[in-house]
C-alpha atoms as a PDB file:
ATOM      1  CA  MET A   1      -6.904 -71.662  87.686  1.00  0.00           C
ATOM      2  CA  SER A   2      -4.117 -73.608  89.355  1.00  0.00           C
ATOM      3  CA  VAL A   3      -1.960 -73.194  92.436  1.00  0.00           C
ATOM      4  CA  GLY A   4       0.243 -76.181  91.575  1.00  0.00           C
ATOM      5  CA  ASN A   5       1.263 -78.930  93.962  1.00  0.00           C
ATOM      6  CA  ALA A   6       3.373 -77.075  96.538  1.00  0.00           C
ATOM      7  CA  THR A   7       2.918 -78.129 100.140  1.00  0.00           C
ATOM      8  CA  GLN A   8       2.183 -74.562 101.261  1.00  0.00           C
ATOM      9  CA  PRO A   9      -1.320 -73.151 100.673  1.00  0.00           C
ATOM     10  CA  PHE A  10      -1.703 -70.227  98.281  1.00  0.00           C
ATOM     11  CA  GLN A  11      -4.816 -68.689  99.765  1.00  0.00           C
ATOM     12  CA  ARG A  12      -3.934 -65.203  98.498  1.00  0.00           C
ATOM     13  CA  LEU A  13      -4.441 -66.340  94.891  1.00  0.00           C
ATOM     14  CA  LEU A  14      -7.479 -68.473  95.702  1.00  0.00           C
ATOM     15  CA  ASP A  15      -9.187 -65.574  97.488  1.00  0.00           C
ATOM     16  CA  GLY A  16      -8.427 -63.274  94.552  1.00  0.00           C
ATOM     17  CA  VAL A  17     -10.069 -65.660  92.117  1.00  0.00           C
ATOM     18  CA  ALA A  18     -13.011 -66.261  94.462  1.00  0.00           C
ATOM     19  CA  SER A  19     -13.705 -62.526  94.571  1.00  0.00           C
ATOM     20  CA  ILE A  20     -14.206 -62.332  90.787  1.00  0.00           C
ATOM     21  CA  ALA A  21     -15.268 -65.904  89.932  1.00  0.00           C
ATOM     22  CA  SER A  22     -18.715 -64.911  88.681  1.00  0.00           C
ATOM     23  CA  ARG A  23     -17.142 -62.524  86.128  1.00  0.00           C
ATOM     24  CA  LEU A  24     -14.665 -65.059  84.720  1.00  0.00           C
ATOM     25  CA  PRO A  25     -15.155 -66.978  81.467  1.00  0.00           C
ATOM     26  CA  GLN A  26     -17.157 -70.093  82.259  1.00  0.00           C
ATOM     27  CA  PRO A  27     -16.756 -72.822  83.325  1.00  0.00           C
ATOM     28  CA  VAL A  28     -14.350 -71.950  86.121  1.00  0.00           C
ATOM     29  CA  VAL A  29     -12.148 -74.877  87.153  1.00  0.00           C
ATOM     30  CA  VAL A  30      -9.945 -74.323  90.196  1.00  0.00           C
ATOM     31  CA  GLN A  31      -7.119 -76.612  91.290  1.00  0.00           C
ATOM     32  CA  TYR A  32      -6.699 -75.449  94.881  1.00  0.00           C
ATOM     33  CA  GLY A  33      -3.972 -77.709  96.326  1.00  0.00           C
ATOM     34  CA  CYS A  34      -3.799 -77.599 100.101  1.00  0.00           C
ATOM     35  CA  GLY A  35      -5.718 -74.319 100.377  1.00  0.00           C
ATOM     36  CA  ARG A  36      -9.469 -73.757 100.661  1.00  0.00           C
ATOM     37  CA  PHE A  37     -11.827 -72.949  97.796  1.00  0.00           C
ATOM     38  CA  ASP A  38     -15.592 -73.328  97.952  1.00  0.00           C
ATOM     39  CA  VAL A  39     -17.277 -70.953  95.540  1.00  0.00           C
ATOM     40  CA  PRO A  40     -20.700 -71.769  94.086  1.00  0.00           C
ATOM     41  CA  GLY A  41     -20.603 -72.312  90.344  1.00  0.00           C
ATOM     42  CA  CYS A  42     -16.912 -73.287  90.285  1.00  0.00           C
ATOM     43  CA  GLN A  43     -15.511 -76.768  89.892  1.00  0.00           C
ATOM     44  CA  ALA A  44     -12.940 -77.099  92.678  1.00  0.00           C
ATOM     45  CA  LEU A  45     -10.364 -79.903  92.643  1.00  0.00           C
ATOM     46  CA  ARG A  46      -7.553 -80.434  95.130  1.00  0.00           C
ATOM     47  CA  LEU A  47      -5.260 -81.901  92.464  1.00  0.00           C
ATOM     48  CA  LEU A  48      -5.514 -82.571  88.735  1.00  0.00           C
ATOM     49  CA  PRO A  49      -4.031 -85.499  86.848  1.00  0.00           C
ATOM     50  CA  MET A  50      -1.450 -84.196  84.353  1.00  0.00           C
ATOM     51  CA  ALA A  51      -3.477 -85.244  81.300  1.00  0.00           C
ATOM     52  CA  GLU A  52      -6.493 -83.312  82.585  1.00  0.00           C
ATOM     53  CA  PHE A  53      -4.348 -80.279  83.450  1.00  0.00           C
ATOM     54  CA  GLU A  54      -2.894 -80.273  79.922  1.00  0.00           C
ATOM     55  CA  ARG A  55      -6.384 -80.601  78.394  1.00  0.00           C
ATOM     56  CA  LEU A  56      -7.696 -77.685  80.444  1.00  0.00           C
ATOM     57  CA  VAL A  57      -4.669 -75.548  79.615  1.00  0.00           C
ATOM     58  CA  ALA A  58      -5.145 -76.190  75.898  1.00  0.00           C
ATOM     59  CA  THR A  59      -8.881 -75.491  75.873  1.00  0.00           C
ATOM     60  CA  SER A  60      -9.276 -72.663  78.385  1.00  0.00           C
ATOM     61  CA  GLU A  61      -9.903 -69.119  77.283  1.00  0.00           C
ATOM     62  CA  LEU A  62      -8.107 -67.748  80.352  1.00  0.00           C
ATOM     63  CA  LEU A  63      -5.443 -69.193  82.636  1.00  0.00           C
ATOM     64  CA  ILE A  64      -4.694 -67.879  86.119  1.00  0.00           C
ATOM     65  CA  LEU A  65      -1.720 -69.676  87.636  1.00  0.00           C
ATOM     66  CA  HIS A  66       0.825 -69.597  90.384  1.00  0.00           C
ATOM     67  CA  ALA A  67       4.183 -68.706  88.819  1.00  0.00           C
ATOM     68  CA  GLY A  68       5.575 -72.232  88.972  1.00  0.00           C
ATOM     69  CA  ALA A  69       7.793 -73.092  86.009  1.00  0.00           C
ATOM     70  CA  GLY A  70       5.931 -76.289  85.119  1.00  0.00           C
ATOM     71  CA  SER A  71       2.503 -74.656  85.052  1.00  0.00           C
ATOM     72  CA  VAL A  72       3.702 -71.608  83.145  1.00  0.00           C
ATOM     73  CA  ILE A  73       5.627 -73.641  80.559  1.00  0.00           C
ATOM     74  CA  HIS A  74       2.513 -75.725  79.834  1.00  0.00           C
ATOM     75  CA  ALA A  75       0.543 -72.517  79.298  1.00  0.00           C
ATOM     76  CA  LEU A  76       3.161 -70.990  77.017  1.00  0.00           C
ATOM     77  CA  ARG A  77       3.470 -74.159  74.939  1.00  0.00           C
ATOM     78  CA  ALA A  78      -0.309 -74.027  74.444  1.00  0.00           C
ATOM     79  CA  GLY A  79       0.001 -70.474  73.084  1.00  0.00           C
ATOM     80  CA  LYS A  80      -1.559 -68.825  76.137  1.00  0.00           C
ATOM     81  CA  VAL A  81      -0.628 -65.637  77.961  1.00  0.00           C
ATOM     82  CA  PRO A  82      -1.474 -66.551  81.543  1.00  0.00           C
ATOM     83  CA  VAL A  83      -2.076 -64.289  84.492  1.00  0.00           C
ATOM     84  CA  VAL A  84       0.463 -65.403  87.077  1.00  0.00           C
ATOM     85  CA  MET A  85       0.767 -64.577  90.739  1.00  0.00           C
ATOM     86  CA  PRO A  86       4.122 -65.531  92.226  1.00  0.00           C
ATOM     87  CA  ARG A  87       4.176 -67.217  95.582  1.00  0.00           C
ATOM     88  CA  ARG A  88       6.199 -65.101  98.019  1.00  0.00           C
ATOM     89  CA  ALA A  89       8.460 -66.058 100.883  1.00  0.00           C
ATOM     90  CA  LYS A  90       7.304 -63.089 102.961  1.00  0.00           C
ATOM     91  CA  PHE A  91       3.792 -64.614 103.024  1.00  0.00           C
ATOM     92  CA  LYS A  92       5.194 -68.095 103.774  1.00  0.00           C
ATOM     93  CA  GLU A  93       3.842 -69.361 100.432  1.00  0.00           C
ATOM     94  CA  LEU A  94       7.257 -70.684  99.395  1.00  0.00           C
ATOM     95  CA  VAL A  95      10.747 -70.881 100.903  1.00  0.00           C
ATOM     96  CA  ASP A  96      12.231 -68.231  98.582  1.00  0.00           C
ATOM     97  CA  ASP A  97      11.224 -65.805  95.834  1.00  0.00           C
ATOM     98  CA  HIS A  98      12.256 -67.766  92.756  1.00  0.00           C
ATOM     99  CA  GLN A  99       8.688 -67.572  91.377  1.00  0.00           C
ATOM    100  CA  PHE A 100       8.816 -63.789  91.627  1.00  0.00           C
ATOM    101  CA  GLU A 101      12.061 -63.637  89.636  1.00  0.00           C
ATOM    102  CA  PHE A 102      10.782 -66.137  87.062  1.00  0.00           C
ATOM    103  CA  ALA A 103       7.501 -64.277  86.584  1.00  0.00           C
ATOM    104  CA  GLU A 104       9.212 -60.911  86.198  1.00  0.00           C
ATOM    105  CA  ALA A 105      11.546 -62.260  83.488  1.00  0.00           C
ATOM    106  CA  LEU A 106       8.618 -63.684  81.499  1.00  0.00           C
ATOM    107  CA  SER A 107       6.601 -60.516  82.014  1.00  0.00           C
ATOM    108  CA  GLN A 108       9.413 -58.429  80.529  1.00  0.00           C
ATOM    109  CA  ALA A 109       9.320 -60.738  77.496  1.00  0.00           C
ATOM    110  CA  GLY A 110       5.567 -60.129  77.165  1.00  0.00           C
ATOM    111  CA  ARG A 111       4.656 -63.791  77.730  1.00  0.00           C
ATOM    112  CA  VAL A 112       2.798 -63.536  81.056  1.00  0.00           C
ATOM    113  CA  VAL A 113       0.929 -60.874  82.990  1.00  0.00           C
ATOM    114  CA  VAL A 114       2.050 -60.724  86.603  1.00  0.00           C
ATOM    115  CA  VAL A 115      -0.348 -59.755  89.355  1.00  0.00           C
ATOM    116  CA  HIS A 116       0.944 -59.243  92.887  1.00  0.00           C
ATOM    117  CA  GLU A 117      -2.278 -58.196  94.625  1.00  0.00           C
ATOM    118  CA  ALA A 118      -5.699 -59.791  94.369  1.00  0.00           C
ATOM    119  CA  ALA A 119      -7.258 -56.329  94.065  1.00  0.00           C
ATOM    120  CA  ARG A 120      -5.552 -55.932  90.663  1.00  0.00           C
ATOM    121  CA  MET A 121      -6.646 -59.323  89.316  1.00  0.00           C
ATOM    122  CA  TRP A 122      -9.329 -58.050  86.944  1.00  0.00           C
ATOM    123  CA  GLU A 123      -6.953 -55.515  85.396  1.00  0.00           C
ATOM    124  CA  ALA A 124      -4.375 -58.279  84.858  1.00  0.00           C
ATOM    125  CA  ILE A 125      -6.991 -60.541  83.255  1.00  0.00           C
ATOM    126  CA  ARG A 126      -8.014 -57.872  80.752  1.00  0.00           C
ATOM    127  CA  CYS A 127      -4.372 -57.276  79.878  1.00  0.00           C
ATOM    128  CA  ALA A 128      -3.626 -61.004  79.457  1.00  0.00           C
ATOM    129  CA  LEU A 129      -6.613 -61.574  77.183  1.00  0.00           C
ATOM    130  CA  SER A 130      -5.581 -58.605  75.047  1.00  0.00           C
ATOM    131  CA  LEU A 131      -1.965 -59.810  74.815  1.00  0.00           C
ATOM    132  CA  GLN A 132      -3.109 -63.325  74.017  1.00  0.00           C
ATOM    133  CA  ARG A 133      -5.006 -62.074  70.984  1.00  0.00           C
ATOM    134  CA  LYS A 134      -1.862 -60.274  69.798  1.00  0.00           C
ATOM    135  CA  VAL A 135       0.637 -63.098  70.288  1.00  0.00           C
ATOM    136  CA  ARG A 136      -1.540 -65.943  69.015  1.00  0.00           C
ATOM    137  CA  GLY A 137       0.471 -67.440  66.201  1.00  0.00           C
ATOM    138  CA  ASP A 138       3.607 -65.588  67.333  1.00  0.00           C
ATOM    139  CA  MET A 139       4.653 -68.050  70.015  1.00  0.00           C
ATOM    140  CA  ARG A 140       8.160 -69.040  69.042  1.00  0.00           C
ATOM    141  CA  ALA A 141       8.600 -72.085  71.268  1.00  0.00           C
ATOM    142  CA  PRO A 142      12.378 -72.528  70.880  1.00  0.00           C
ATOM    143  CA  GLU A 143      13.024 -68.869  71.722  1.00  0.00           C
ATOM    144  CA  LEU A 144      10.643 -69.028  74.655  1.00  0.00           C
ATOM    145  CA  LEU A 145      12.080 -72.251  76.025  1.00  0.00           C
ATOM    146  CA  ARG A 146      15.567 -70.746  75.761  1.00  0.00           C
ATOM    147  CA  LEU A 147      14.386 -67.727  77.772  1.00  0.00           C
ATOM    148  CA  VAL A 148      12.881 -69.973  80.453  1.00  0.00           C
ATOM    149  CA  GLY A 149      15.991 -72.184  80.523  1.00  0.00           C
ATOM    150  CA  ASP A 150      18.293 -69.183  80.841  1.00  0.00           C
ATOM    151  CA  ARG A 151      16.222 -67.779  83.714  1.00  0.00           C
ATOM    152  CA  LEU A 152      16.181 -71.091  85.577  1.00  0.00           C
ATOM    153  CA  LYS A 153      19.939 -71.518  85.053  1.00  0.00           C
ATOM    154  CA  HIS A 154      20.549 -67.988  86.381  1.00  0.00           C
ATOM    155  CA  TYR A 155      18.444 -68.740  89.432  1.00  0.00           C
ATOM    156  CA  ALA A 156      20.220 -72.059  90.098  1.00  0.00           C
ATOM    157  CA  GLU A 157      23.599 -70.336  89.934  1.00  0.00           C
ATOM    158  CA  SER A 158      22.484 -67.589  92.299  1.00  0.00           C
ATOM    159  CA  VAL A 159      21.428 -69.998  95.052  1.00  0.00           C
ATOM    160  CA  ARG A 160      24.636 -72.064  95.061  1.00  0.00           C
END
């Protein structure tokens, strides 16, 4: 699980994971950034070196991520269907809602499962694991990278 390296805490996601940590595939590794996470049985790290993040992404059965482009792209390149929770401006988790727009576009393409409320986390996890079994071997990287690039370009144009 990763909240990325934003300067704002993402306690909403951390609390959602904490509430179901004992039910998650083990081991549970949580990169918590500038938030708080102290759950027995979980390995909690403020930050992860990139090589370690990439190793964990490649070897994890389940990924729960903030909807940051870098984190999500690593997951998709590894053939994963992550559960993503977008940071939201209304909760002061980010300055705007670009993660929300990014996550929705990838959700419509069937490449991520978006969860907006911690109470729906378990449902999203079950869906992501099911989708991951279906798309394994069907991850067309060039098509996916084009989709991500198009979405980021659209966003950049909209904020000019």
